[in-house]
């Protein structure tokens, strides 16, 4: 017995729902502010120590 002819597009309503769904886009990775802050604090500490030692 032959198989019934299947619609290659499938269920049109399901396809439209799939095509029109709104998925949230992945948020861009934010660079950590901790690293630059630690670098600035480290430079300031070294500068103050150098100033106090070589004055």
Protein backbone atom coordinates (compact mmCIF):
# COMPACT_ATOMS: atom_id res chain seq x y z
CA UNK A 1 0.00 0.00 0.00
CA UNK A 2 1.41 3.42 -0.90
CA UNK A 3 1.93 6.14 1.68
CA UNK A 4 -0.33 9.18 1.52
CA UNK A 5 1.16 12.29 -0.08
CA UNK A 6 2.58 14.50 2.69
CA UNK A 7 2.68 18.27 2.43
CA UNK A 8 6.42 19.14 2.30
CA UNK A 9 5.74 22.47 4.01
CA UNK A 10 4.15 20.76 6.99
CA UNK A 11 1.76 22.75 9.10
CA UNK A 12 1.72 26.32 7.76
CA UNK A 13 0.51 27.79 11.03
CA UNK A 14 3.33 26.16 12.95
CA UNK A 15 5.88 27.43 10.42
CA UNK A 16 4.52 30.99 10.64
CA UNK A 17 4.65 30.85 14.43
CA UNK A 18 8.25 29.61 14.22
CA UNK A 19 9.27 32.30 11.73
CA UNK A 20 7.64 35.13 13.68
CA UNK A 21 8.75 34.22 17.18
CA UNK A 22 10.80 36.79 19.03
CA UNK A 23 13.69 35.22 20.87
CA UNK A 24 15.73 37.55 23.04
CA UNK A 25 19.12 38.20 21.53
CA UNK A 26 22.13 37.26 23.56
CA UNK A 27 23.41 40.28 25.44
CA UNK A 28 26.88 41.33 24.41
CA UNK A 29 29.49 40.33 26.93
CA UNK A 30 30.31 43.28 29.15
CA UNK A 31 33.92 43.73 29.97
CA UNK A 32 34.58 43.51 33.63
CA UNK A 33 35.23 46.87 35.25
CA UNK A 34 37.14 45.19 38.04
CA UNK A 35 40.37 44.70 36.05
CA UNK A 36 40.81 48.33 34.90
CA UNK A 37 39.92 49.61 38.38
CA UNK A 38 42.49 47.32 39.99
CA UNK A 39 45.13 48.46 37.49
CA UNK A 40 44.44 52.14 38.22
CA UNK A 41 44.51 51.56 41.98
CA UNK A 42 47.76 49.61 41.64
CA UNK A 43 49.40 52.39 39.61
CA UNK A 44 48.27 54.99 42.15
CA UNK A 45 49.66 52.94 45.05
CA UNK A 46 53.00 52.54 43.27
CA UNK A 47 53.09 56.27 42.46
CA UNK A 48 52.38 57.26 46.07
CA UNK A 49 54.99 54.84 47.39
CA UNK A 50 57.57 56.12 44.89
CA UNK A 51 56.77 59.70 45.84
CA UNK A 52 57.17 58.95 49.55
CA UNK A 53 60.41 56.99 49.10
CA UNK A 54 62.19 59.36 46.71
CA UNK A 55 61.15 62.71 48.08
